[in-house]
Amino acid sequence: KILNDDALADGYSFNFKLRYNLWYEVPLSKKGIVPGALSFILNDEVH
C-alpha cells in the first residue's frame, strides 16, 4: 500500500488476475523453423 508520494504504508492490497495468452507463428522460409530463419508472430493476451 502507498501512504503518500514519499512513503509506503503498512499492509498490502490484494486481488486475483486471470490471464489468457494466444501466440501464433508462421514461418517465412520454406525450410521451416530452423536456425537463421524468420517467422511472423501474432500474440494477444487478455487480463
ModelCIF file with pLDDT and N, C-alpha, C, O atoms, coordinates in Angstrom:
data_MODEL
#
_entry.id   MODEL 
#
_entity.id                         1 
_entity.type                       polymer 
_entity.pdbx_number_of_molecules   1 
#
_entity_poly.entity_id                      1 
_entity_poly.type                           'polypeptide(L)' 
_entity_poly.nstd_linkage                   no 
_entity_poly.nstd_monomer                   no 
_entity_poly.pdbx_seq_one_letter_code       KILNDDALADGYSFNFKLRYNLWYEVPLSKKGIVPGALSFILNDEVH 
_entity_poly.pdbx_seq_one_letter_code_can   KILNDDALADGYSFNFKLRYNLWYEVPLSKKGIVPGALSFILNDEVH 
_entity_poly.pdbx_strand_id                 A 
#
loop_
_entity_poly_seq.entity_id 
_entity_poly_seq.num 
_entity_poly_seq.mon_id 
_entity_poly_seq.hetero 
1 1  LYS n 
1 2  ILE n 
1 3  LEU n 
1 4  ASN n 
1 5  ASP n 
1 6  ASP n 
1 7  ALA n 
1 8  LEU n 
1 9  ALA n 
1 10 ASP n 
1 11 GLY n 
1 12 TYR n 
1 13 SER n 
1 14 PHE n 
1 15 ASN n 
1 16 PHE n 
1 17 LYS n 
1 18 LEU n 
1 19 ARG n 
1 20 TYR n 
1 21 ASN n 
1 22 LEU n 
1 23 TRP n 
1 24 TYR n 
1 25 GLU n 
1 26 VAL n 
1 27 PRO n 
1 28 LEU n 
1 29 SER n 
1 30 LYS n 
1 31 LYS n 
1 32 GLY n 
1 33 ILE n 
1 34 VAL n 
1 35 PRO n 
1 36 GLY n 
1 37 ALA n 
1 38 LEU n 
1 39 SER n 
1 40 PHE n 
1 41 ILE n 
1 42 LEU n 
1 43 ASN n 
1 44 ASP n 
1 45 GLU n 
1 46 VAL n 
1 47 HIS n 
#
_struct_asym.id          A 
_struct_asym.entity_id   1 
#
loop_
_ma_qa_metric.id 
_ma_qa_metric.mode 
_ma_qa_metric.name 
_ma_qa_metric.software_group_id 
_ma_qa_metric.type 
1 global pLDDT . pLDDT 
2 local  pLDDT . pLDDT 
#
_ma_qa_metric_global.metric_id      1 
_ma_qa_metric_global.metric_value   94.91 
_ma_qa_metric_global.model_id       1 
_ma_qa_metric_global.ordinal_id     1 
#
loop_
_ma_qa_metric_local.label_asym_id 
_ma_qa_metric_local.label_comp_id 
_ma_qa_metric_local.label_seq_id 
_ma_qa_metric_local.metric_id 
_ma_qa_metric_local.metric_value 
_ma_qa_metric_local.model_id 
_ma_qa_metric_local.ordinal_id 
A LYS 1  2 95.00 1 1  
A ILE 2  2 94.00 1 2  
A LEU 3  2 93.00 1 3  
A ASN 4  2 91.00 1 4  
A ASP 5  2 91.00 1 5  
A ASP 6  2 92.00 1 6  
A ALA 7  2 94.00 1 7  
A LEU 8  2 94.00 1 8  
A ALA 9  2 95.00 1 9  
A ASP 10 2 95.00 1 10 
A GLY 11 2 96.00 1 11 
A TYR 12 2 96.00 1 12 
A SER 13 2 95.00 1 13 
A PHE 14 2 96.00 1 14 
A ASN 15 2 95.00 1 15 
A PHE 16 2 97.00 1 16 
A LYS 17 2 97.00 1 17 
A LEU 18 2 97.00 1 18 
A ARG 19 2 98.00 1 19 
A TYR 20 2 98.00 1 20 
A ASN 21 2 98.00 1 21 
A LEU 22 2 98.00 1 22 
A TRP 23 2 98.00 1 23 
A TYR 24 2 97.00 1 24 
A GLU 25 2 97.00 1 25 
A VAL 26 2 97.00 1 26 
A PRO 27 2 96.00 1 27 
A LEU 28 2 96.00 1 28 
A SER 29 2 88.00 1 29 
A LYS 30 2 87.00 1 30 
A LYS 31 2 86.00 1 31 
A GLY 32 2 86.00 1 32 
A ILE 33 2 88.00 1 33 
A VAL 34 2 91.00 1 34 
A PRO 35 2 94.00 1 35 
A GLY 36 2 94.00 1 36 
A ALA 37 2 95.00 1 37 
A LEU 38 2 97.00 1 38 
A SER 39 2 97.00 1 39 
A PHE 40 2 98.00 1 40 
A ILE 41 2 98.00 1 41 
A LEU 42 2 98.00 1 42 
A ASN 43 2 98.00 1 43 
A ASP 44 2 98.00 1 44 
A GLU 45 2 98.00 1 45 
A VAL 46 2 97.00 1 46 
A HIS 47 2 97.00 1 47 
#
loop_
_atom_site.group_PDB 
_atom_site.id 
_atom_site.type_symbol 
_atom_site.label_atom_id 
_atom_site.label_alt_id 
_atom_site.label_comp_id 
_atom_site.label_asym_id 
_atom_site.label_entity_id 
_atom_site.label_seq_id 
_atom_site.pdbx_PDB_ins_code 
_atom_site.Cartn_x 
_atom_site.Cartn_y 
_atom_site.Cartn_z 
_atom_site.occupancy 
_atom_site.B_iso_or_equiv 
_atom_site.pdbx_formal_charge 
_atom_site.auth_seq_id 
_atom_site.auth_comp_id 
_atom_site.auth_asym_id 
_atom_site.auth_atom_id 
_atom_site.pdbx_PDB_model_num 
ATOM 1   N N  . LYS A 1 1  ? 0.825  -1.200  0.000   1.00 95.00 ? 1  LYS A N  1 
ATOM 2   C CA . LYS A 1 1  ? 0.000  0.000   0.000   1.00 95.00 ? 1  LYS A CA 1 
ATOM 3   C C  . LYS A 1 1  ? 0.865  1.257   0.000   1.00 95.00 ? 1  LYS A C  1 
ATOM 4   O O  . LYS A 1 1  ? 1.991  1.251   0.496   1.00 95.00 ? 1  LYS A O  1 
ATOM 5   N N  . ILE A 1 2  ? 0.319  2.332   -0.563  1.00 94.00 ? 2  ILE A N  1 
ATOM 6   C CA . ILE A 1 2  ? 1.028  3.609   -0.679  1.00 94.00 ? 2  ILE A CA 1 
ATOM 7   C C  . ILE A 1 2  ? 0.463  4.605   0.331   1.00 94.00 ? 2  ILE A C  1 
ATOM 8   O O  . ILE A 1 2  ? -0.751 4.802   0.397   1.00 94.00 ? 2  ILE A O  1 
ATOM 9   N N  . LEU A 1 3  ? 1.336  5.232   1.117   1.00 93.00 ? 3  LEU A N  1 
ATOM 10  C CA . LEU A 1 3  ? 0.912  6.253   2.070   1.00 93.00 ? 3  LEU A CA 1 
ATOM 11  C C  . LEU A 1 3  ? 0.833  7.622   1.402   1.00 93.00 ? 3  LEU A C  1 
ATOM 12  O O  . LEU A 1 3  ? -0.187 8.305   1.496   1.00 93.00 ? 3  LEU A O  1 
ATOM 13  N N  . ASN A 1 4  ? 1.899  8.016   0.737   1.00 91.00 ? 4  ASN A N  1 
ATOM 14  C CA . ASN A 1 4  ? 1.937  9.294   0.020   1.00 91.00 ? 4  ASN A CA 1 
ATOM 15  C C  . ASN A 1 4  ? 3.063  9.241   -1.006  1.00 91.00 ? 4  ASN A C  1 
ATOM 16  O O  . ASN A 1 4  ? 3.595  8.169   -1.293  1.00 91.00 ? 4  ASN A O  1 
ATOM 17  N N  . ASP A 1 5  ? 3.423  10.389  -1.554  1.00 91.00 ? 5  ASP A N  1 
ATOM 18  C CA . ASP A 1 5  ? 4.460  10.430  -2.587  1.00 91.00 ? 5  ASP A CA 1 
ATOM 19  C C  . ASP A 1 5  ? 5.804  9.898   -2.112  1.00 91.00 ? 5  ASP A C  1 
ATOM 20  O O  . ASP A 1 5  ? 6.627  9.468   -2.921  1.00 91.00 ? 5  ASP A O  1 
ATOM 21  N N  . ASP A 1 6  ? 6.028  9.926   -0.807  1.00 92.00 ? 6  ASP A N  1 
ATOM 22  C CA . ASP A 1 6  ? 7.354  9.632   -0.283  1.00 92.00 ? 6  ASP A CA 1 
ATOM 23  C C  . ASP A 1 6  ? 7.449  8.369   0.565   1.00 92.00 ? 6  ASP A C  1 
ATOM 24  O O  . ASP A 1 6  ? 8.549  7.975   0.954   1.00 92.00 ? 6  ASP A O  1 
ATOM 25  N N  . ALA A 1 7  ? 6.317  7.727   0.859   1.00 94.00 ? 7  ALA A N  1 
ATOM 26  C CA . ALA A 1 7  ? 6.372  6.622   1.820   1.00 94.00 ? 7  ALA A CA 1 
ATOM 27  C C  . ALA A 1 7  ? 5.374  5.524   1.477   1.00 94.00 ? 7  ALA A C  1 
ATOM 28  O O  . ALA A 1 7  ? 4.296  5.779   0.939   1.00 94.00 ? 7  ALA A O  1 
ATOM 29  N N  . LEU A 1 8  ? 5.766  4.294   1.804   1.00 94.00 ? 8  LEU A N  1 
ATOM 30  C CA . LEU A 1 8  ? 4.872  3.152   1.715   1.00 94.00 ? 8  LEU A CA 1 
ATOM 31  C C  . LEU A 1 8  ? 4.074  3.021   3.003   1.00 94.00 ? 8  LEU A C  1 
ATOM 32  O O  . LEU A 1 8  ? 4.554  3.413   4.067   1.00 94.00 ? 8  LEU A O  1 
ATOM 33  N N  . ALA A 1 9  ? 2.874  2.482   2.927   1.00 95.00 ? 9  ALA A N  1 
ATOM 34  C CA . ALA A 1 9  ? 2.051  2.229   4.105   1.00 95.00 ? 9  ALA A CA 1 
ATOM 35  C C  . ALA A 1 9  ? 2.196  0.775   4.527   1.00 95.00 ? 9  ALA A C  1 
ATOM 36  O O  . ALA A 1 9  ? 2.736  -0.039  3.778   1.00 95.00 ? 9  ALA A O  1 
ATOM 37  N N  . ASP A 1 10 ? 1.723  0.450   5.710   1.00 95.00 ? 10 ASP A N  1 
ATOM 38  C CA . ASP A 1 10 ? 1.729  -0.927  6.177   1.00 95.00 ? 10 ASP A CA 1 
ATOM 39  C C  . ASP A 1 10 ? 0.666  -1.731  5.416   1.00 95.00 ? 10 ASP A C  1 
ATOM 40  O O  . ASP A 1 10 ? -0.383 -1.202  5.047   1.00 95.00 ? 10 ASP A O  1 
ATOM 41  N N  . GLY A 1 11 ? 0.955  -3.006  5.192   1.00 96.00 ? 11 GLY A N  1 
ATOM 42  C CA . GLY A 1 11 ? -0.034 -3.884  4.600   1.00 96.00 ? 11 GLY A CA 1 
ATOM 43  C C  . GLY A 1 11 ? -0.018 -3.896  3.078   1.00 96.00 ? 11 GLY A C  1 
ATOM 44  O O  . GLY A 1 11 ? 0.737  -3.175  2.426   1.00 96.00 ? 11 GLY A O  1 
ATOM 45  N N  . TYR A 1 12 ? -0.892 -4.753  2.540   1.00 96.00 ? 12 TYR A N  1 
ATOM 46  C CA . TYR A 1 12 ? -0.945 -4.981  1.096   1.00 96.00 ? 12 TYR A CA 1 
ATOM 47  C C  . TYR A 1 12 ? -2.388 -4.952  0.613   1.00 96.00 ? 12 TYR A C  1 
ATOM 48  O O  . TYR A 1 12 ? -3.300 -5.356  1.334   1.00 96.00 ? 12 TYR A O  1 
ATOM 49  N N  . SER A 1 13 ? -2.585 -4.479  -0.596  1.00 95.00 ? 13 SER A N  1 
ATOM 50  C CA . SER A 1 13 ? -3.860 -4.684  -1.279  1.00 95.00 ? 13 SER A CA 1 
ATOM 51  C C  . SER A 1 13 ? -3.762 -6.014  -2.029  1.00 95.00 ? 13 SER A C  1 
ATOM 52  O O  . SER A 1 13 ? -2.664 -6.455  -2.370  1.00 95.00 ? 13 SER A O  1 
ATOM 53  N N  . PHE A 1 14 ? -4.916 -6.659  -2.286  1.00 96.00 ? 14 PHE A N  1 
ATOM 54  C CA . PHE A 1 14 ? -4.887 -7.991  -2.877  1.00 96.00 ? 14 PHE A CA 1 
ATOM 55  C C  . PHE A 1 14 ? -5.989 -8.150  -3.906  1.00 96.00 ? 14 PHE A C  1 
ATOM 56  O O  . PHE A 1 14 ? -7.112 -7.683  -3.716  1.00 96.00 ? 14 PHE A O  1 
ATOM 57  N N  . ASN A 1 15 ? -5.646 -8.822  -5.006  1.00 95.00 ? 15 ASN A N  1 
ATOM 58  C CA . ASN A 1 15 ? -6.660 -9.279  -5.952  1.00 95.00 ? 15 ASN A CA 1 
ATOM 59  C C  . ASN A 1 15 ? -6.102 -10.426 -6.781  1.00 95.00 ? 15 ASN A C  1 
ATOM 60  O O  . ASN A 1 15 ? -4.892 -10.644 -6.844  1.00 95.00 ? 15 ASN A O  1 
ATOM 61  N N  . PHE A 1 16 ? -7.012 -11.150 -7.412  1.00 97.00 ? 16 PHE A N  1 
ATOM 62  C CA . PHE A 1 16 ? -6.629 -12.194 -8.364  1.00 97.00 ? 16 PHE A CA 1 
ATOM 63  C C  . PHE A 1 16 ? -6.574 -11.579 -9.769  1.00 97.00 ? 16 PHE A C  1 
ATOM 64  O O  . PHE A 1 16 ? -7.272 -10.613 -10.077 1.00 97.00 ? 16 PHE A O  1 
ATOM 65  N N  . LYS A 1 17 ? -5.727 -12.170 -10.599 1.00 97.00 ? 17 LYS A N  1 
ATOM 66  C CA . LYS A 1 17 ? -5.720 -11.810 -12.019 1.00 97.00 ? 17 LYS A CA 1 
ATOM 67  C C  . LYS A 1 17 ? -5.680 -13.101 -12.838 1.00 97.00 ? 17 LYS A C  1 
ATOM 68  O O  . LYS A 1 17 ? -4.869 -13.990 -12.578 1.00 97.00 ? 17 LYS A O  1 
ATOM 69  N N  . LEU A 1 18 ? -6.569 -13.189 -13.831 1.00 97.00 ? 18 LEU A N  1 
ATOM 70  C CA . LEU A 1 18 ? -6.599 -14.316 -14.751 1.00 97.00 ? 18 LEU A CA 1 
ATOM 71  C C  . LEU A 1 18 ? -6.139 -13.830 -16.116 1.00 97.00 ? 18 LEU A C  1 
ATOM 72  O O  . LEU A 1 18 ? -6.631 -12.823 -16.627 1.00 97.00 ? 18 LEU A O  1 
ATOM 73  N N  . ARG A 1 19 ? -5.178 -14.563 -16.711 1.00 98.00 ? 19 ARG A N  1 
ATOM 74  C CA . ARG A 1 19 ? -4.609 -14.167 -17.996 1.00 98.00 ? 19 ARG A CA 1 
ATOM 75  C C  . ARG A 1 19 ? -4.757 -15.306 -19.012 1.00 98.00 ? 19 ARG A C  1 
ATOM 76  O O  . ARG A 1 19 ? -4.497 -16.469 -18.703 1.00 98.00 ? 19 ARG A O  1 
ATOM 77  N N  . TYR A 1 20 ? -5.179 -14.947 -20.225 1.00 98.00 ? 20 TYR A N  1 
ATOM 78  C CA . TYR A 1 20 ? -5.200 -15.910 -21.331 1.00 98.00 ? 20 TYR A CA 1 
ATOM 79  C C  . TYR A 1 20 ? -4.307 -15.378 -22.438 1.00 98.00 ? 20 TYR A C  1 
ATOM 80  O O  . TYR A 1 20 ? -4.472 -14.245 -22.890 1.00 98.00 ? 20 TYR A O  1 
ATOM 81  N N  . ASN A 1 21 ? -3.359 -16.200 -22.874 1.00 98.00 ? 21 ASN A N  1 
ATOM 82  C CA . ASN A 1 21 ? -2.369 -15.797 -23.861 1.00 98.00 ? 21 ASN A CA 1 
ATOM 83  C C  . ASN A 1 21 ? -2.436 -16.715 -25.082 1.00 98.00 ? 21 ASN A C  1 
ATOM 84  O O  . ASN A 1 21 ? -2.421 -17.939 -24.950 1.00 98.00 ? 21 ASN A O  1 
ATOM 85  N N  . LEU A 1 22 ? -2.510 -16.113 -26.272 1.00 98.00 ? 22 LEU A N  1 
ATOM 86  C CA . LEU A 1 22 ? -2.511 -16.850 -27.533 1.00 98.00 ? 22 LEU A CA 1 
ATOM 87  C C  . LEU A 1 22 ? -1.351 -16.354 -28.385 1.00 98.00 ? 22 LEU A C  1 
ATOM 88  O O  . LEU A 1 22 ? -1.238 -15.160 -28.662 1.00 98.00 ? 22 LEU A O  1 
ATOM 89  N N  . TRP A 1 23 ? -0.494 -17.279 -28.796 1.00 98.00 ? 23 TRP A N  1 
ATOM 90  C CA . TRP A 1 23 ? 0.706  -16.970 -29.583 1.00 98.00 ? 23 TRP A CA 1 
ATOM 91  C C  . TRP A 1 23 ? 0.700  -17.827 -30.833 1.00 98.00 ? 23 TRP A C  1 
ATOM 92  O O  . TRP A 1 23 ? 0.525  -19.042 -30.748 1.00 98.00 ? 23 TRP A O  1 
ATOM 93  N N  . TYR A 1 24 ? 0.891  -17.206 -32.005 1.00 97.00 ? 24 TYR A N  1 
ATOM 94  C CA . TYR A 1 24 ? 0.779  -17.924 -33.274 1.00 97.00 ? 24 TYR A CA 1 
ATOM 95  C C  . TYR A 1 24 ? 1.957  -17.566 -34.170 1.00 97.00 ? 24 TYR A C  1 
ATOM 96  O O  . TYR A 1 24 ? 2.298  -16.392 -34.316 1.00 97.00 ? 24 TYR A O  1 
ATOM 97  N N  . GLU A 1 25 ? 2.580  -18.581 -34.772 1.00 97.00 ? 25 GLU A N  1 
ATOM 98  C CA . GLU A 1 25 ? 3.799  -18.401 -35.564 1.00 97.00 ? 25 GLU A CA 1 
ATOM 99  C C  . GLU A 1 25 ? 3.644  -18.994 -36.950 1.00 97.00 ? 25 GLU A C  1 
ATOM 100 O O  . GLU A 1 25 ? 3.187  -20.126 -37.110 1.00 97.00 ? 25 GLU A O  1 
ATOM 101 N N  . VAL A 1 26 ? 4.034  -18.207 -37.958 1.00 97.00 ? 26 VAL A N  1 
ATOM 102 C CA . VAL A 1 26 ? 4.032  -18.666 -39.345 1.00 97.00 ? 26 VAL A CA 1 
ATOM 103 C C  . VAL A 1 26 ? 5.436  -18.474 -39.916 1.00 97.00 ? 26 VAL A C  1 
ATOM 104 O O  . VAL A 1 26 ? 5.878  -17.334 -40.061 1.00 97.00 ? 26 VAL A O  1 
ATOM 105 N N  . PRO A 1 27 ? 6.152  -19.556 -40.246 1.00 96.00 ? 27 PRO A N  1 
ATOM 106 C CA . PRO A 1 27 ? 7.496  -19.417 -40.824 1.00 96.00 ? 27 PRO A CA 1 
ATOM 107 C C  . PRO A 1 27 ? 7.462  -18.698 -42.170 1.00 96.00 ? 27 PRO A C  1 
ATOM 108 O O  . PRO A 1 27 ? 6.542  -18.884 -42.966 1.00 96.00 ? 27 PRO A O  1 
ATOM 109 N N  . LEU A 1 28 ? 8.472  -17.883 -42.406 1.00 96.00 ? 28 LEU A N  1 
ATOM 110 C CA . LEU A 1 28 ? 8.580  -17.174 -43.675 1.00 96.00 ? 28 LEU A CA 1 
ATOM 111 C C  . LEU A 1 28 ? 9.547  -17.855 -44.631 1.00 96.00 ? 28 LEU A C  1 
ATOM 112 O O  . LEU A 1 28 ? 9.730  -17.402 -45.761 1.00 96.00 ? 28 LEU A O  1 
ATOM 113 N N  . SER A 1 29 ? 10.159 -18.925 -44.189 1.00 88.00 ? 29 SER A N  1 
ATOM 114 C CA . SER A 1 29 ? 11.105 -19.675 -45.003 1.00 88.00 ? 29 SER A CA 1 
ATOM 115 C C  . SER A 1 29 ? 10.522 -21.037 -45.353 1.00 88.00 ? 29 SER A C  1 
ATOM 116 O O  . SER A 1 29 ? 9.827  -21.644 -44.538 1.00 88.00 ? 29 SER A O  1 
ATOM 117 N N  . LYS A 1 30 ? 10.799 -21.521 -46.557 1.00 87.00 ? 30 LYS A N  1 
ATOM 118 C CA . LYS A 1 30 ? 10.338 -22.850 -46.963 1.00 87.00 ? 30 LYS A CA 1 
ATOM 119 C C  . LYS A 1 30 ? 10.994 -23.951 -46.133 1.00 87.00 ? 30 LYS A C  1 
ATOM 120 O O  . LYS A 1 30 ? 10.482 -25.068 -46.062 1.00 87.00 ? 30 LYS A O  1 
ATOM 121 N N  . LYS A 1 31 ? 12.125 -23.633 -45.508 1.00 86.00 ? 31 LYS A N  1 
ATOM 122 C CA . LYS A 1 31 ? 12.823 -24.625 -44.685 1.00 86.00 ? 31 LYS A CA 1 
ATOM 123 C C  . LYS A 1 31 ? 12.147 -24.825 -43.335 1.00 86.00 ? 31 LYS A C  1 
ATOM 124 O O  . LYS A 1 31 ? 12.467 -25.764 -42.606 1.00 86.00 ? 31 LYS A O  1 
ATOM 125 N N  . GLY A 1 32 ? 11.206 -23.932 -43.002 1.00 86.00 ? 32 GLY A N  1 
ATOM 126 C CA . GLY A 1 32 ? 10.522 -24.045 -41.731 1.00 86.00 ? 32 GLY A CA 1 
ATOM 127 C C  . GLY A 1 32 ? 11.254 -23.329 -40.619 1.00 86.00 ? 32 GLY A C  1 
ATOM 128 O O  . GLY A 1 32 ? 11.956 -22.347 -40.860 1.00 86.00 ? 32 GLY A O  1 
ATOM 129 N N  . ILE A 1 33 ? 11.090 -23.820 -39.391 1.00 88.00 ? 33 ILE A N  1 
ATOM 130 C CA . ILE A 1 33 ? 11.671 -23.179 -38.214 1.00 88.00 ? 33 ILE A CA 1 
ATOM 131 C C  . ILE A 1 33 ? 13.039 -23.803 -37.955 1.00 88.00 ? 33 ILE A C  1 
ATOM 132 O O  . ILE A 1 33 ? 13.163 -24.778 -37.213 1.00 88.00 ? 33 ILE A O  1 
ATOM 133 N N  . VAL A 1 34 ? 14.059 -23.223 -38.578 1.00 91.00 ? 34 VAL A N  1 
ATOM 134 C CA . VAL A 1 34 ? 15.437 -23.699 -38.466 1.00 91.00 ? 34 VAL A CA 1 
ATOM 135 C C  . VAL A 1 34 ? 16.330 -22.508 -38.125 1.00 91.00 ? 34 VAL A C  1 
ATOM 136 O O  . VAL A 1 34 ? 15.935 -21.367 -38.368 1.00 91.00 ? 34 VAL A O  1 
ATOM 137 N N  . PRO A 1 35 ? 17.537 -22.741 -37.563 1.00 94.00 ? 35 PRO A N  1 
ATOM 138 C CA . PRO A 1 35 ? 18.435 -21.627 -37.252 1.00 94.00 ? 35 PRO A CA 1 
ATOM 139 C C  . PRO A 1 35 ? 18.661 -20.708 -38.441 1.00 94.00 ? 35 PRO A C  1 
ATOM 140 O O  . PRO A 1 35 ? 18.955 -21.163 -39.547 1.00 94.00 ? 35 PRO A O  1 
ATOM 141 N N  . GLY A 1 36 ? 18.520 -19.413 -38.202 1.00 94.00 ? 36 GLY A N  1 
ATOM 142 C CA . GLY A 1 36 ? 18.690 -18.408 -39.234 1.00 94.00 ? 36 GLY A CA 1 
ATOM 143 C C  . GLY A 1 36 ? 17.412 -18.011 -39.939 1.00 94.00 ? 36 GLY A C  1 
ATOM 144 O O  . GLY A 1 36 ? 17.409 -17.040 -40.695 1.00 94.00 ? 36 GLY A O  1 
ATOM 145 N N  . ALA A 1 37 ? 16.315 -18.739 -39.712 1.00 95.00 ? 37 ALA A N  1 
ATOM 146 C CA . ALA A 1 37 ? 15.058 -18.467 -40.403 1.00 95.00 ? 37 ALA A CA 1 
ATOM 147 C C  . ALA A 1 37 ? 14.216 -17.445 -39.641 1.00 95.00 ? 37 ALA A C  1 
ATOM 148 O O  . ALA A 1 37 ? 14.337 -17.298 -38.424 1.00 95.00 ? 37 ALA A O  1 
ATOM 149 N N  . LEU A 1 38 ? 13.363 -16.745 -40.386 1.00 97.00 ? 38 LEU A N  1 
ATOM 150 C CA . LEU A 1 38 ? 12.442 -15.774 -39.820 1.00 97.00 ? 38 LEU A CA 1 
ATOM 151 C C  . LEU A 1 38 ? 11.024 -16.328 -39.823 1.00 97.00 ? 38 LEU A C  1 
ATOM 152 O O  . LEU A 1 38 ? 10.648 -17.102 -40.704 1.00 97.00 ? 38 LEU A O  1 
ATOM 153 N N  . SER A 1 39 ? 10.243 -15.924 -38.828 1.00 97.00 ? 39 SER A N  1 
ATOM 154 C CA . SER A 1 39 ? 8.821  -16.255 -38.759 1.00 97.00 ? 39 SER A CA 1 
ATOM 155 C C  . SER A 1 39 ? 8.034  -14.988 -38.439 1.00 97.00 ? 39 SER A C  1 
ATOM 156 O O  . SER A 1 39 ? 8.558  -14.047 -37.844 1.00 97.00 ? 39 SER A O  1 
ATOM 157 N N  . PHE A 1 40 ? 6.761  -14.984 -38.847 1.00 98.00 ? 40 PHE A N  1 
ATOM 158 C CA . PHE A 1 40 ? 5.848  -13.912 -38.478 1.00 98.00 ? 40 PHE A CA 1 
ATOM 159 C C  . PHE A 1 40 ? 5.094  -14.337 -37.230 1.00 98.00 ? 40 PHE A C  1 
ATOM 160 O O  . PHE A 1 40 ? 4.622  -15.471 -37.139 1.00 98.00 ? 40 PHE A O  1 
ATOM 161 N N  . ILE A 1 41 ? 4.980  -13.418 -36.256 1.00 98.00 ? 41 ILE A N  1 
ATOM 162 C CA . ILE A 1 41 ? 4.366  -13.726 -34.966 1.00 98.00 ? 41 ILE A CA 1 
ATOM 163 C C  . ILE A 1 41 ? 3.148  -12.833 -34.727 1.00 98.00 ? 41 ILE A C  1 
ATOM 164 O O  . ILE A 1 41 ? 3.202  -11.619 -34.926 1.00 98.00 ? 41 ILE A O  1 
ATOM 165 N N  . LEU A 1 42 ? 2.051  -13.458 -34.298 1.00 98.00 ? 42 LEU A N  1 
ATOM 166 C CA . LEU A 1 42 ? 0.902  -12.750 -33.735 1.00 98.00 ? 42 LEU A CA 1 
ATOM 167 C C  . LEU A 1 42 ? 0.720  -13.221 -32.305 1.00 98.00 ? 42 LEU A C  1 
ATOM 168 O O  . LEU A 1 42 ? 0.791  -14.419 -32.028 1.00 98.00 ? 42 LEU A O  1 
ATOM 169 N N  . ASN A 1 43 ? 0.485  -12.287 -31.396 1.00 98.00 ? 43 ASN A N  1 
ATOM 170 C CA . ASN A 1 43 ? 0.363  -12.636 -29.983 1.00 98.00 ? 43 ASN A CA 1 
ATOM 171 C C  . ASN A 1 43 ? -0.672 -11.698 -29.345 1.00 98.00 ? 43 ASN A C  1 
ATOM 172 O O  . ASN A 1 43 ? -0.590 -10.479 -29.490 1.00 98.00 ? 43 ASN A O  1 
ATOM 173 N N  . ASP A 1 44 ? -1.636 -12.280 -28.645 1.00 98.00 ? 44 ASP A N  1 
ATOM 174 C CA . ASP A 1 44 ? -2.610 -11.461 -27.925 1.00 98.00 ? 44 ASP A CA 1 
ATOM 175 C C  . ASP A 1 44 ? -2.827 -12.064 -26.546 1.00 98.00 ? 44 ASP A C  1 
ATOM 176 O O  . ASP A 1 44 ? -2.945 -13.281 -26.402 1.00 98.00 ? 44 ASP A O  1 
ATOM 177 N N  . GLU A 1 45 ? -2.880 -11.196 -25.523 1.00 98.00 ? 45 GLU A N  1 
ATOM 178 C CA . GLU A 1 45 ? -3.068 -11.650 -24.149 1.00 98.00 ? 45 GLU A CA 1 
ATOM 179 C C  . GLU A 1 45 ? -4.076 -10.749 -23.449 1.00 98.00 ? 45 GLU A C  1 
ATOM 180 O O  . GLU A 1 45 ? -3.932 -9.526  -23.439 1.00 98.00 ? 45 GLU A O  1 
ATOM 181 N N  . VAL A 1 46 ? -5.103 -11.372 -22.859 1.00 97.00 ? 46 VAL A N  1 
ATOM 182 C CA . VAL A 1 46 ? -6.162 -10.656 -22.148 1.00 97.00 ? 46 VAL A CA 1 
ATOM 183 C C  . VAL A 1 46 ? -6.003 -10.897 -20.652 1.00 97.00 ? 46 VAL A C  1 
ATOM 184 O O  . VAL A 1 46 ? -5.783 -12.030 -20.223 1.00 97.00 ? 46 VAL A O  1 
ATOM 185 N N  . HIS A 1 47 ? -6.117 -9.811  -19.842 1.00 97.00 ? 47 HIS A N  1 
ATOM 186 C CA . HIS A 1 47 ? -6.009 -9.878  -18.390 1.00 97.00 ? 47 HIS A CA 1 
ATOM 187 C C  . HIS A 1 47 ? -7.342 -9.472  -17.764 1.00 97.00 ? 47 HIS A C  1 
ATOM 188 O O  . HIS A 1 47 ? -7.471 -9.459  -16.540 1.00 97.00 ? 47 HIS A O  1 
#
